Amino acid sequence: MAEPTTVLQRTHKRAPLQSFLVLVLVNLMWAFQFSGAKIATERLGPIAVALIPLALSTVLFAPLLLIRRGSKPRPQWTPVVWRDLLLASTLGIIPAQLGLTWGVEHSLAGNASVLTLTIPVLTAIMAVMLLGEKMTPVRWLSFALAIAGVLMVSDIDWKSVSIFRGTYLMGNLLILSSCLGSAFYNTYSKKLLETFNPVELLVYSFFVTDFELAVMMLVFERSPLSAFVSLGAGVWASLLTIAIFSLSVSMLLYFWVIERIDVTQASLSIYLLPVFGVLLSTVVVKERITAQLVFGGLLVFSGTFLVTVYEERKRVRHVASQSKEQPCQRPTSFA
C-alpha cells in the first residue's frame, strides 16, 4: 500500500469532533475533584486525601491490566521504563495533587485562580520542548479566546491578587508547583503511551505514586486509624467518586484523546474547568446565571472547538490533498 494512503487512513482515525466532545466530558469529571477533596480535608491531612483516591483507583482498575493489548507488545521493564514512571509520578502526579491543597492553605483563592490559568500555557510550552509540537496561528487565536473567556467566567478580584507578596509567596510557589506537575504529567503521558496502553499507564503510574505518598504520609502525616474510620459514608462516597471518575475514567479518556491529537490542542480544554466549576455552583447553590458567564463560557468553548475540531479538519484536508497530488512511488532498490 502506498505511503500517502496509510497516512490518510491514520489521519481519519483522529476524529476531531469526537476528541472535542470527549475533552468536554473529561473536564466535567475533573471539575468535581476540587469540591469532593475539600470535604475530606476537613477530617484528614492533604497527603492522606491525595493518597486514598489514588489507591482506590489503583485497586479498582488493576484487573483491567488483563485486557488484550492489541498490536502493542508488552512493555519491557528496563531501567528507562522505571525512570519514566518515576518521573511521571514524582514530577507530575505528586506535585499536581499536593501543591494546590497545601498552597491554598498558605495563599489566597484569587492567587490560586490566576496561577491555575497557567496550566494550558505551561503544557503547551512543555509539549514544544518534550514532544516537538508547534504553535500554529489557530492555536494562538484559540488560546486568546479561551483565556479571555475564562477571565470573564472566573470574575477574579484583581485587587486581592498578591502573587509576589512575601506573606503568600510560599503558598503561591506550591500552587505553581501543582500547575507545573499537571502540565508535566499531561505532556509526558503522550511519551509514555509509546510504551504502555492507557490502562497500564494509569495503573502503573498510580502504583508508583501510591508508594511515594504512603512513605510521605508515614514520615510527615501519621493520621490515626480512627480518623479514617470516622470519615463517614458521605466522605468515602466522595473519595470513591474522585477515584473512579476524576482520576481514572477521565484520565483514560484523556490518554485516548492525546493518542489522536497534539497535547497542545488537548491542553486548551483545561480552561473548561472554571466554566464547569461556576456552572456547577449555579446548580448547587442556585446562583444566578449572568450574561457575562454565558458569553465567557461560549468564548472558552469556541477556543477549544477551534483548536480541536477546526484545526484537525483543516489538517485532514491538507493531508488528503497531498495524497492525491503525490503519485504512488515504488522502491527502486532493495536491501
C-alpha atoms as a PDB file:
ATOM      1  CA  MET A   1       0.000   0.000   0.000  1.00  0.00           C
ATOM      2  CA  ALA A   2       1.269   3.462  -0.806  1.00  0.00           C
ATOM      3  CA  GLU A   3       2.594   5.692   1.947  1.00  0.00           C
ATOM      4  CA  PRO A   4       0.105   8.602   1.434  1.00  0.00           C
ATOM      5  CA  THR A   5      -2.879   6.257   1.767  1.00  0.00           C
ATOM      6  CA  THR A   6      -1.551   4.922   5.056  1.00  0.00           C
ATOM      7  CA  VAL A   7      -1.104   8.452   6.413  1.00  0.00           C
ATOM      8  CA  LEU A   8      -4.585   9.423   5.275  1.00  0.00           C
ATOM      9  CA  GLN A   9      -6.175   6.423   6.968  1.00  0.00           C
ATOM     10  CA  ARG A  10      -4.309   7.228  10.166  1.00  0.00           C
ATOM     11  CA  THR A  11      -5.497  10.821   9.898  1.00  0.00           C
ATOM     12  CA  HIS A  12      -9.184   9.935   9.670  1.00  0.00           C
ATOM     13  CA  LYS A  13      -8.916   7.886  12.862  1.00  0.00           C
ATOM     14  CA  ARG A  14      -8.219  11.059  14.832  1.00  0.00           C
ATOM     15  CA  ALA A  15     -11.950  12.021  14.808  1.00  0.00           C
ATOM     16  CA  PRO A  16     -11.692  15.750  15.709  1.00  0.00           C
ATOM     17  CA  LEU A  17     -15.318  16.268  16.816  1.00  0.00           C
ATOM     18  CA  GLN A  18     -15.201  13.107  18.891  1.00  0.00           C
ATOM     19  CA  SER A  19     -11.998  14.305  20.595  1.00  0.00           C
ATOM     20  CA  PHE A  20     -13.640  17.645  21.392  1.00  0.00           C
ATOM     21  CA  LEU A  21     -16.685  16.016  22.985  1.00  0.00           C
ATOM     22  CA  VAL A  22     -14.510  13.624  24.991  1.00  0.00           C
ATOM     23  CA  LEU A  23     -12.430  16.557  26.297  1.00  0.00           C
ATOM     24  CA  VAL A  24     -15.610  18.317  27.405  1.00  0.00           C
ATOM     25  CA  LEU A  25     -16.587  15.197  29.371  1.00  0.00           C
ATOM     26  CA  VAL A  26     -13.060  14.866  30.818  1.00  0.00           C
ATOM     27  CA  ASN A  27     -13.082  18.401  32.200  1.00  0.00           C
ATOM     28  CA  LEU A  28     -16.551  17.931  33.667  1.00  0.00           C
ATOM     29  CA  MET A  29     -15.157  14.951  35.622  1.00  0.00           C
ATOM     30  CA  TRP A  30     -12.060  16.908  36.678  1.00  0.00           C
ATOM     31  CA  ALA A  31     -14.237  19.758  37.972  1.00  0.00           C
ATOM     32  CA  PHE A  32     -15.744  17.535  40.655  1.00  0.00           C
ATOM     33  CA  GLN A  33     -12.360  16.752  42.211  1.00  0.00           C
ATOM     34  CA  PHE A  34     -11.983  20.186  43.830  1.00  0.00           C
ATOM     35  CA  SER A  35     -15.286  20.119  45.725  1.00  0.00           C
ATOM     36  CA  GLY A  36     -15.002  16.417  46.542  1.00  0.00           C
ATOM     37  CA  ALA A  37     -11.498  16.684  48.020  1.00  0.00           C
ATOM     38  CA  LYS A  38     -12.476  19.710  50.107  1.00  0.00           C
ATOM     39  CA  ILE A  39     -14.943  17.565  52.051  1.00  0.00           C
ATOM     40  CA  ALA A  40     -12.229  15.072  53.028  1.00  0.00           C
ATOM     41  CA  THR A  41      -9.577  17.645  54.001  1.00  0.00           C
ATOM     42  CA  GLU A  42     -11.745  18.670  56.939  1.00  0.00           C
ATOM     43  CA  ARG A  43     -11.016  15.258  58.509  1.00  0.00           C
ATOM     44  CA  LEU A  44      -7.633  14.213  57.089  1.00  0.00           C
ATOM     45  CA  GLY A  45      -4.334  15.773  56.081  1.00  0.00           C
ATOM     46  CA  PRO A  46      -3.623  16.655  52.430  1.00  0.00           C
ATOM     47  CA  ILE A  47      -1.293  13.676  51.868  1.00  0.00           C
ATOM     48  CA  ALA A  48      -3.932  11.192  53.032  1.00  0.00           C
ATOM     49  CA  VAL A  49      -6.602  12.917  50.934  1.00  0.00           C
ATOM     50  CA  ALA A  50      -4.352  12.627  47.872  1.00  0.00           C
ATOM     51  CA  LEU A  51      -3.406   9.008  48.610  1.00  0.00           C
ATOM     52  CA  ILE A  52      -6.829   7.466  49.274  1.00  0.00           C
ATOM     53  CA  PRO A  53      -8.458   8.163  45.869  1.00  0.00           C
ATOM     54  CA  LEU A  54      -5.277   7.169  44.020  1.00  0.00           C
ATOM     55  CA  ALA A  55      -5.025   3.910  45.993  1.00  0.00           C
ATOM     56  CA  LEU A  56      -8.725   3.157  45.407  1.00  0.00           C
ATOM     57  CA  SER A  57      -8.268   3.822  41.706  1.00  0.00           C
ATOM     58  CA  THR A  58      -5.228   1.541  41.534  1.00  0.00           C
ATOM     59  CA  VAL A  59      -7.109  -1.331  43.197  1.00  0.00           C
ATOM     60  CA  LEU A  60     -10.273  -0.898  41.122  1.00  0.00           C
ATOM     61  CA  PHE A  61      -8.545  -0.615  37.738  1.00  0.00           C
ATOM     62  CA  ALA A  62      -5.677  -3.083  38.236  1.00  0.00           C
ATOM     63  CA  PRO A  63      -7.823  -6.032  36.994  1.00  0.00           C
ATOM     64  CA  LEU A  64      -8.153  -4.220  33.640  1.00  0.00           C
ATOM     65  CA  LEU A  65      -4.447  -4.909  33.046  1.00  0.00           C
ATOM     66  CA  LEU A  66      -5.570  -8.339  31.833  1.00  0.00           C
ATOM     67  CA  ILE A  67      -7.319  -6.874  28.788  1.00  0.00           C
ATOM     68  CA  ARG A  68      -5.798  -7.549  25.377  1.00  0.00           C
ATOM     69  CA  ARG A  69      -3.059  -5.089  24.383  1.00  0.00           C
ATOM     70  CA  GLY A  70      -3.852  -5.204  20.687  1.00  0.00           C
ATOM     71  CA  SER A  71      -0.850  -4.604  18.435  1.00  0.00           C
ATOM     72  CA  LYS A  72       1.398  -3.188  21.150  1.00  0.00           C
ATOM     73  CA  PRO A  73       3.955  -5.596  22.657  1.00  0.00           C
ATOM     74  CA  ARG A  74       4.132  -5.912  26.401  1.00  0.00           C
ATOM     75  CA  PRO A  75       6.414  -3.309  27.995  1.00  0.00           C
ATOM     76  CA  GLN A  76       9.932  -4.390  28.797  1.00  0.00           C
ATOM     77  CA  TRP A  77      10.740  -3.378  32.374  1.00  0.00           C
ATOM     78  CA  THR A  78      14.023  -1.705  31.570  1.00  0.00           C
ATOM     79  CA  PRO A  79      15.679   0.983  33.722  1.00  0.00           C
ATOM     80  CA  VAL A  80      14.404   3.572  31.229  1.00  0.00           C
ATOM     81  CA  VAL A  81      10.795   2.453  31.753  1.00  0.00           C
ATOM     82  CA  TRP A  82      11.148   2.623  35.535  1.00  0.00           C
ATOM     83  CA  ARG A  83      12.765   6.047  35.178  1.00  0.00           C
ATOM     84  CA  ASP A  84       9.872   7.324  33.086  1.00  0.00           C
ATOM     85  CA  LEU A  85       7.270   6.077  35.576  1.00  0.00           C
ATOM     86  CA  LEU A  86       9.239   7.607  38.453  1.00  0.00           C
ATOM     87  CA  LEU A  87       9.429  10.937  36.628  1.00  0.00           C
ATOM     88  CA  ALA A  88       5.692  10.885  35.821  1.00  0.00           C
ATOM     89  CA  SER A  89       4.908  10.222  39.471  1.00  0.00           C
ATOM     90  CA  THR A  90       7.456  12.384  41.268  1.00  0.00           C
ATOM     91  CA  LEU A  91       7.423  15.402  38.941  1.00  0.00           C
ATOM     92  CA  GLY A  92       3.839  15.018  37.731  1.00  0.00           C
ATOM     93  CA  ILE A  93       1.155  13.426  39.887  1.00  0.00           C
ATOM     94  CA  ILE A  94       2.510  14.194  43.376  1.00  0.00           C
ATOM     95  CA  PRO A  95       3.050  17.955  42.951  1.00  0.00           C
ATOM     96  CA  ALA A  96      -0.210  18.201  40.987  1.00  0.00           C
ATOM     97  CA  GLN A  97      -2.186  16.557  43.799  1.00  0.00           C
ATOM     98  CA  LEU A  98      -0.434  18.084  46.827  1.00  0.00           C
ATOM     99  CA  GLY A  99       0.706  21.503  45.602  1.00  0.00           C
ATOM    100  CA  LEU A 100      -2.739  23.021  45.240  1.00  0.00           C
ATOM    101  CA  THR A 101      -4.045  21.608  48.540  1.00  0.00           C
ATOM    102  CA  TRP A 102      -1.070  22.874  50.535  1.00  0.00           C
ATOM    103  CA  GLY A 103      -0.770  26.070  48.540  1.00  0.00           C
ATOM    104  CA  VAL A 104      -4.314  27.332  49.114  1.00  0.00           C
ATOM    105  CA  GLU A 105      -3.788  26.911  52.881  1.00  0.00           C
ATOM    106  CA  HIS A 106      -0.950  29.481  52.680  1.00  0.00           C
ATOM    107  CA  SER A 107      -2.277  31.778  49.971  1.00  0.00           C
ATOM    108  CA  LEU A 108      -5.437  33.407  48.681  1.00  0.00           C
ATOM    109  CA  ALA A 109      -8.144  31.941  46.458  1.00  0.00           C
ATOM    110  CA  GLY A 110      -7.571  34.793  43.994  1.00  0.00           C
ATOM    111  CA  ASN A 111      -3.900  33.873  43.687  1.00  0.00           C
ATOM    112  CA  ALA A 112      -4.826  30.234  43.024  1.00  0.00           C
ATOM    113  CA  SER A 113      -7.355  31.275  40.363  1.00  0.00           C
ATOM    114  CA  VAL A 114      -4.740  33.303  38.483  1.00  0.00           C
ATOM    115  CA  LEU A 115      -1.943  30.744  38.784  1.00  0.00           C
ATOM    116  CA  THR A 116      -4.055  27.800  37.603  1.00  0.00           C
ATOM    117  CA  LEU A 117      -4.682  29.687  34.364  1.00  0.00           C
ATOM    118  CA  THR A 118      -1.052  28.923  33.508  1.00  0.00           C
ATOM    119  CA  ILE A 119      -1.613  25.135  33.213  1.00  0.00           C
ATOM    120  CA  PRO A 120      -2.560  25.056  29.483  1.00  0.00           C
ATOM    121  CA  VAL A 121       0.223  27.544  28.673  1.00  0.00           C
ATOM    122  CA  LEU A 122       2.789  25.501  30.632  1.00  0.00           C
ATOM    123  CA  THR A 123       1.517  22.335  28.949  1.00  0.00           C
ATOM    124  CA  ALA A 124       1.920  23.918  25.513  1.00  0.00           C
ATOM    125  CA  ILE A 125       5.480  25.003  26.371  1.00  0.00           C
ATOM    126  CA  MET A 126       6.368  21.506  27.603  1.00  0.00           C
ATOM    127  CA  ALA A 127       4.783  19.937  24.521  1.00  0.00           C
ATOM    128  CA  VAL A 128       7.028  22.089  22.343  1.00  0.00           C
ATOM    129  CA  MET A 129      10.107  21.210  24.419  1.00  0.00           C
ATOM    130  CA  LEU A 130       9.480  17.500  25.088  1.00  0.00           C
ATOM    131  CA  LEU A 131       7.393  16.414  22.094  1.00  0.00           C
ATOM    132  CA  GLY A 132       8.443  18.846  19.362  1.00  0.00           C
ATOM    133  CA  GLU A 133       4.910  20.184  18.805  1.00  0.00           C
ATOM    134  CA  LYS A 134       4.438  23.607  17.194  1.00  0.00           C
ATOM    135  CA  MET A 135       2.233  26.596  17.959  1.00  0.00           C
ATOM    136  CA  THR A 136       0.161  27.499  14.892  1.00  0.00           C
ATOM    137  CA  PRO A 137      -1.790  30.747  14.293  1.00  0.00           C
ATOM    138  CA  VAL A 138      -5.022  28.861  15.013  1.00  0.00           C
ATOM    139  CA  ARG A 139      -3.642  27.717  18.370  1.00  0.00           C
ATOM    140  CA  TRP A 140      -2.555  31.246  19.334  1.00  0.00           C
ATOM    141  CA  LEU A 141      -6.028  32.536  18.471  1.00  0.00           C
ATOM    142  CA  SER A 142      -7.696  29.708  20.393  1.00  0.00           C
ATOM    143  CA  PHE A 143      -5.602  30.407  23.486  1.00  0.00           C
ATOM    144  CA  ALA A 144      -6.514  34.107  23.306  1.00  0.00           C
ATOM    145  CA  LEU A 145     -10.245  33.334  23.071  1.00  0.00           C
ATOM    146  CA  ALA A 146     -10.129  30.765  25.867  1.00  0.00           C
ATOM    147  CA  ILE A 147      -8.127  32.981  28.258  1.00  0.00           C
ATOM    148  CA  ALA A 148     -10.472  35.926  27.636  1.00  0.00           C
ATOM    149  CA  GLY A 149     -13.470  33.700  28.263  1.00  0.00           C
ATOM    150  CA  VAL A 150     -12.123  32.112  31.429  1.00  0.00           C
ATOM    151  CA  LEU A 151     -11.234  35.531  32.868  1.00  0.00           C
ATOM    152  CA  MET A 152     -14.854  36.596  32.323  1.00  0.00           C
ATOM    153  CA  VAL A 153     -16.212  33.420  33.909  1.00  0.00           C
ATOM    154  CA  SER A 154     -13.843  33.443  36.889  1.00  0.00           C
ATOM    155  CA  ASP A 155     -14.618  37.083  37.721  1.00  0.00           C
ATOM    156  CA  ILE A 156     -11.299  37.424  39.573  1.00  0.00           C
ATOM    157  CA  ASP A 157     -10.932  40.269  42.070  1.00  0.00           C
ATOM    158  CA  TRP A 158      -7.599  41.606  40.807  1.00  0.00           C
ATOM    159  CA  LYS A 159      -7.229  43.931  43.813  1.00  0.00           C
ATOM    160  CA  SER A 160      -6.935  40.906  46.092  1.00  0.00           C
ATOM    161  CA  VAL A 161      -4.332  39.145  43.936  1.00  0.00           C
ATOM    162  CA  SER A 162      -0.877  39.201  45.571  1.00  0.00           C
ATOM    163  CA  ILE A 163       1.329  36.827  43.634  1.00  0.00           C
ATOM    164  CA  PHE A 164       4.706  38.147  44.768  1.00  0.00           C
ATOM    165  CA  ARG A 165       3.875  39.370  48.281  1.00  0.00           C
ATOM    166  CA  GLY A 166       6.166  37.725  50.855  1.00  0.00           C
ATOM    167  CA  THR A 167       3.253  36.619  53.047  1.00  0.00           C
ATOM    168  CA  TYR A 168       1.814  34.433  50.301  1.00  0.00           C
ATOM    169  CA  LEU A 169       4.966  33.649  48.339  1.00  0.00           C
ATOM    170  CA  MET A 170       5.410  30.115  49.705  1.00  0.00           C
ATOM    171  CA  GLY A 171       1.769  29.245  49.091  1.00  0.00           C
ATOM    172  CA  ASN A 172       1.944  30.668  45.579  1.00  0.00           C
ATOM    173  CA  LEU A 173       5.073  28.632  44.838  1.00  0.00           C
ATOM    174  CA  LEU A 174       3.247  25.484  45.980  1.00  0.00           C
ATOM    175  CA  ILE A 175       0.297  26.315  43.714  1.00  0.00           C
ATOM    176  CA  LEU A 176       2.693  26.936  40.829  1.00  0.00           C
ATOM    177  CA  SER A 177       4.348  23.565  41.515  1.00  0.00           C
ATOM    178  CA  SER A 178       0.892  21.992  41.192  1.00  0.00           C
ATOM    179  CA  CYS A 179       0.417  23.703  37.827  1.00  0.00           C
ATOM    180  CA  LEU A 180       3.854  22.544  36.654  1.00  0.00           C
ATOM    181  CA  GLY A 181       3.109  18.993  37.851  1.00  0.00           C
ATOM    182  CA  SER A 182      -0.185  18.869  35.960  1.00  0.00           C
ATOM    183  CA  ALA A 183       1.449  20.260  32.821  1.00  0.00           C
ATOM    184  CA  PHE A 184       4.334  17.778  33.033  1.00  0.00           C
ATOM    185  CA  TYR A 185       2.100  14.719  33.527  1.00  0.00           C
ATOM    186  CA  ASN A 186      -0.313  15.831  30.803  1.00  0.00           C
ATOM    187  CA  THR A 187       2.629  16.160  28.403  1.00  0.00           C
ATOM    188  CA  TYR A 188       4.851  13.272  29.457  1.00  0.00           C
ATOM    189  CA  SER A 189       1.876  10.894  29.274  1.00  0.00           C
ATOM    190  CA  LYS A 190       1.999  11.039  25.479  1.00  0.00           C
ATOM    191  CA  LYS A 191       5.617   9.901  25.546  1.00  0.00           C
ATOM    192  CA  LEU A 192       4.737   7.064  27.940  1.00  0.00           C
ATOM    193  CA  LEU A 193       1.862   5.928  25.694  1.00  0.00           C
ATOM    194  CA  GLU A 194       4.519   4.770  23.228  1.00  0.00           C
ATOM    195  CA  THR A 195       5.358   2.052  25.786  1.00  0.00           C
ATOM    196  CA  PHE A 196       2.105   1.477  27.688  1.00  0.00           C
ATOM    197  CA  ASN A 197      -1.541   1.276  26.758  1.00  0.00           C
ATOM    198  CA  PRO A 198      -3.808   3.765  28.642  1.00  0.00           C
ATOM    199  CA  VAL A 199      -4.834   1.321  31.396  1.00  0.00           C
ATOM    200  CA  GLU A 200      -1.232   0.264  32.037  1.00  0.00           C
ATOM    201  CA  LEU A 201      -0.071   3.864  32.184  1.00  0.00           C
ATOM    202  CA  LEU A 202      -2.836   4.754  34.641  1.00  0.00           C
ATOM    203  CA  VAL A 203      -2.327   1.788  36.963  1.00  0.00           C
ATOM    204  CA  TYR A 204       1.482   1.688  36.921  1.00  0.00           C
ATOM    205  CA  SER A 205       1.968   5.450  37.376  1.00  0.00           C
ATOM    206  CA  PHE A 206      -0.642   5.479  40.171  1.00  0.00           C
ATOM    207  CA  PHE A 207       1.037   2.486  41.831  1.00  0.00           C
ATOM    208  CA  VAL A 208       4.384   4.289  41.959  1.00  0.00           C
ATOM    209  CA  THR A 209       2.623   7.408  43.279  1.00  0.00           C
ATOM    210  CA  ASP A 210       0.790   5.363  45.941  1.00  0.00           C
ATOM    211  CA  PHE A 211       4.097   4.056  47.250  1.00  0.00           C
ATOM    212  CA  GLU A 212       5.675   7.521  47.372  1.00  0.00           C
ATOM    213  CA  LEU A 213       2.637   9.116  49.055  1.00  0.00           C
ATOM    214  CA  ALA A 214       2.433   6.284  51.605  1.00  0.00           C
ATOM    215  CA  VAL A 215       6.066   6.887  52.594  1.00  0.00           C
ATOM    216  CA  MET A 216       5.421  10.642  52.815  1.00  0.00           C
ATOM    217  CA  MET A 217       2.335  10.080  54.981  1.00  0.00           C
ATOM    218  CA  LEU A 218       4.244   7.833  57.388  1.00  0.00           C
ATOM    219  CA  VAL A 219       7.003  10.425  57.724  1.00  0.00           C
ATOM    220  CA  PHE A 220       5.075  13.720  57.766  1.00  0.00           C
ATOM    221  CA  GLU A 221       1.428  12.963  58.478  1.00  0.00           C
ATOM    222  CA  ARG A 222       0.713   9.980  60.671  1.00  0.00           C
ATOM    223  CA  SER A 223      -3.080  10.114  60.694  1.00  0.00           C
ATOM    224  CA  PRO A 224      -4.611   7.794  63.327  1.00  0.00           C
ATOM    225  CA  LEU A 225      -6.686   4.856  62.125  1.00  0.00           C
ATOM    226  CA  SER A 226      -9.706   6.334  63.891  1.00  0.00           C
ATOM    227  CA  ALA A 227      -9.591   9.315  61.518  1.00  0.00           C
ATOM    228  CA  PHE A 228     -10.114   7.011  58.546  1.00  0.00           C
ATOM    229  CA  VAL A 229     -12.853   5.014  60.249  1.00  0.00           C
ATOM    230  CA  SER A 230     -14.797   8.120  61.269  1.00  0.00           C
ATOM    231  CA  LEU A 231     -14.930   9.642  57.815  1.00  0.00           C
ATOM    232  CA  GLY A 232     -18.499   8.512  57.250  1.00  0.00           C
ATOM    233  CA  ALA A 233     -20.272   7.121  54.204  1.00  0.00           C
ATOM    234  CA  GLY A 234     -20.653  10.537  52.537  1.00  0.00           C
ATOM    235  CA  VAL A 235     -16.913  11.312  52.585  1.00  0.00           C
ATOM    236  CA  TRP A 236     -15.984   7.824  51.386  1.00  0.00           C
ATOM    237  CA  ALA A 237     -18.539   8.164  48.588  1.00  0.00           C
ATOM    238  CA  SER A 238     -16.888  11.453  47.547  1.00  0.00           C
ATOM    239  CA  LEU A 239     -13.420   9.878  47.609  1.00  0.00           C
ATOM    240  CA  LEU A 240     -14.660   6.867  45.632  1.00  0.00           C
ATOM    241  CA  THR A 241     -16.268   9.162  43.054  1.00  0.00           C
ATOM    242  CA  ILE A 242     -12.980  11.080  42.719  1.00  0.00           C
ATOM    243  CA  ALA A 243     -11.102   7.778  42.307  1.00  0.00           C
ATOM    244  CA  ILE A 244     -13.397   6.409  39.617  1.00  0.00           C
ATOM    245  CA  PHE A 245     -14.271   9.486  37.600  1.00  0.00           C
ATOM    246  CA  SER A 246     -11.945  12.428  38.389  1.00  0.00           C
ATOM    247  CA  LEU A 247      -8.747  10.355  38.453  1.00  0.00           C
ATOM    248  CA  SER A 248      -9.382   7.197  36.432  1.00  0.00           C
ATOM    249  CA  VAL A 249     -12.083   7.352  33.759  1.00  0.00           C
ATOM    250  CA  SER A 250     -11.213  10.962  32.963  1.00  0.00           C
ATOM    251  CA  MET A 251      -7.505  10.173  32.571  1.00  0.00           C
ATOM    252  CA  LEU A 252      -8.186   7.110  30.412  1.00  0.00           C
ATOM    253  CA  LEU A 253     -10.297   9.305  28.143  1.00  0.00           C
ATOM    254  CA  TYR A 254      -7.583  11.985  28.158  1.00  0.00           C
ATOM    255  CA  PHE A 255      -4.970   9.372  27.162  1.00  0.00           C
ATOM    256  CA  TRP A 256      -7.311   8.255  24.366  1.00  0.00           C
ATOM    257  CA  VAL A 257      -7.503  11.847  23.080  1.00  0.00           C
ATOM    258  CA  ILE A 258      -3.778  12.626  23.153  1.00  0.00           C
ATOM    259  CA  GLU A 259      -3.102   9.480  21.127  1.00  0.00           C
ATOM    260  CA  ARG A 260      -5.160  11.171  18.387  1.00  0.00           C
ATOM    261  CA  ILE A 261      -4.393  14.906  18.644  1.00  0.00           C
ATOM    262  CA  ASP A 262      -1.492  17.017  19.900  1.00  0.00           C
ATOM    263  CA  VAL A 263      -1.113  17.647  23.633  1.00  0.00           C
ATOM    264  CA  THR A 264      -1.161  21.397  22.927  1.00  0.00           C
ATOM    265  CA  GLN A 265      -4.623  21.059  21.408  1.00  0.00           C
ATOM    266  CA  ALA A 266      -5.937  18.953  24.290  1.00  0.00           C
ATOM    267  CA  SER A 267      -4.427  21.246  26.924  1.00  0.00           C
ATOM    268  CA  LEU A 268      -6.598  24.183  25.904  1.00  0.00           C
ATOM    269  CA  SER A 269      -9.682  22.281  27.087  1.00  0.00           C
ATOM    270  CA  ILE A 270      -8.477  22.728  30.691  1.00  0.00           C
ATOM    271  CA  TYR A 271      -9.948  26.230  30.510  1.00  0.00           C
ATOM    272  CA  LEU A 272     -13.332  24.484  30.569  1.00  0.00           C
ATOM    273  CA  LEU A 273     -12.698  23.637  34.255  1.00  0.00           C
ATOM    274  CA  PRO A 274     -13.617  27.047  35.728  1.00  0.00           C
ATOM    275  CA  VAL A 275     -16.597  27.201  33.377  1.00  0.00           C
ATOM    276  CA  PHE A 276     -17.924  23.900  34.687  1.00  0.00           C
ATOM    277  CA  GLY A 277     -16.997  24.899  38.248  1.00  0.00           C
ATOM    278  CA  VAL A 278     -19.112  28.027  38.054  1.00  0.00           C
ATOM    279  CA  LEU A 279     -21.952  26.192  36.315  1.00  0.00           C
ATOM    280  CA  LEU A 280     -21.951  23.502  38.999  1.00  0.00           C
ATOM    281  CA  SER A 281     -22.103  26.178  41.699  1.00  0.00           C
ATOM    282  CA  THR A 282     -25.119  27.762  39.988  1.00  0.00           C
ATOM    283  CA  VAL A 283     -26.878  24.399  40.151  1.00  0.00           C
ATOM    284  CA  VAL A 284     -25.898  23.534  43.727  1.00  0.00           C
ATOM    285  CA  VAL A 285     -26.034  26.977  45.338  1.00  0.00           C
ATOM    286  CA  LYS A 286     -28.768  28.275  42.996  1.00  0.00           C
ATOM    287  CA  GLU A 287     -26.670  31.260  41.912  1.00  0.00           C
ATOM    288  CA  ARG A 288     -27.935  33.415  39.031  1.00  0.00           C
ATOM    289  CA  ILE A 289     -26.557  32.744  35.555  1.00  0.00           C
ATOM    290  CA  THR A 290     -25.357  36.075  34.178  1.00  0.00           C
ATOM    291  CA  ALA A 291     -24.750  37.223  30.602  1.00  0.00           C
ATOM    292  CA  GLN A 292     -21.038  37.529  31.450  1.00  0.00           C
ATOM    293  CA  LEU A 293     -20.944  33.856  32.486  1.00  0.00           C
ATOM    294  CA  VAL A 294     -22.719  32.737  29.302  1.00  0.00           C
ATOM    295  CA  PHE A 295     -20.540  34.849  26.980  1.00  0.00           C
ATOM    296  CA  GLY A 296     -17.313  33.848  28.743  1.00  0.00           C
ATOM    297  CA  GLY A 297     -18.291  30.177  28.570  1.00  0.00           C
ATOM    298  CA  LEU A 298     -19.032  30.498  24.846  1.00  0.00           C
ATOM    299  CA  LEU A 299     -15.569  32.021  24.271  1.00  0.00           C
ATOM    300  CA  VAL A 300     -13.890  29.106  26.061  1.00  0.00           C
ATOM    301  CA  PHE A 301     -15.943  26.549  24.147  1.00  0.00           C
ATOM    302  CA  SER A 302     -15.200  28.388  20.882  1.00  0.00           C
ATOM    303  CA  GLY A 303     -11.452  28.392  21.534  1.00  0.00           C
ATOM    304  CA  THR A 304     -11.480  24.678  22.433  1.00  0.00           C
ATOM    305  CA  PHE A 305     -13.628  23.794  19.416  1.00  0.00           C
ATOM    306  CA  LEU A 306     -11.404  25.845  17.115  1.00  0.00           C
ATOM    307  CA  VAL A 307      -8.166  24.168  18.162  1.00  0.00           C
ATOM    308  CA  THR A 308      -9.516  20.601  18.257  1.00  0.00           C
ATOM    309  CA  VAL A 309     -12.141  20.365  15.510  1.00  0.00           C
ATOM    310  CA  TYR A 310     -11.366  23.167  13.043  1.00  0.00           C
ATOM    311  CA  GLU A 311      -7.575  22.750  13.052  1.00  0.00           C
ATOM    312  CA  GLU A 312      -7.765  18.960  12.844  1.00  0.00           C
ATOM    313  CA  ARG A 313     -10.242  19.036   9.956  1.00  0.00           C
ATOM    314  CA  LYS A 314      -8.028  21.565   8.189  1.00  0.00           C
ATOM    315  CA  ARG A 315      -5.062  19.240   8.662  1.00  0.00           C
ATOM    316  CA  VAL A 316      -7.088  16.268   7.371  1.00  0.00           C
ATOM    317  CA  ARG A 317      -7.989  18.182   4.200  1.00  0.00           C
ATOM    318  CA  HIS A 318      -4.332  19.174   3.725  1.00  0.00           C
ATOM    319  CA  VAL A 319      -3.123  15.565   4.056  1.00  0.00           C
ATOM    320  CA  ALA A 320      -5.889  14.378   1.712  1.00  0.00           C
ATOM    321  CA  SER A 321      -4.932  16.908  -0.958  1.00  0.00           C
ATOM    322  CA  GLN A 322      -1.273  15.950  -0.669  1.00  0.00           C
ATOM    323  CA  SER A 323      -2.074  12.244  -1.034  1.00  0.00           C
ATOM    324  CA  LYS A 324      -3.972  12.960  -4.258  1.00  0.00           C
ATOM    325  CA  GLU A 325      -1.202  15.102  -5.703  1.00  0.00           C
ATOM    326  CA  GLN A 326       1.627  12.674  -4.945  1.00  0.00           C
ATOM    327  CA  PRO A 327       1.670   9.531  -7.171  1.00  0.00           C
ATOM    328  CA  CYS A 328       2.310   6.161  -5.607  1.00  0.00           C
ATOM    329  CA  GLN A 329       6.030   5.527  -5.607  1.00  0.00           C
ATOM    330  CA  ARG A 330       7.606   2.096  -5.775  1.00  0.00           C
ATOM    331  CA  PRO A 331      11.014   1.448  -4.250  1.00  0.00           C
ATOM    332  CA  THR A 332      13.792   1.472  -6.874  1.00  0.00           C
ATOM    333  CA  SER A 333      16.167  -0.774  -4.975  1.00  0.00           C
ATOM    334  CA  PHE A 334      16.099  -3.441  -2.322  1.00  0.00           C
ATOM    335  CA  ALA A 335      18.391  -4.081   0.596  1.00  0.00           C
END
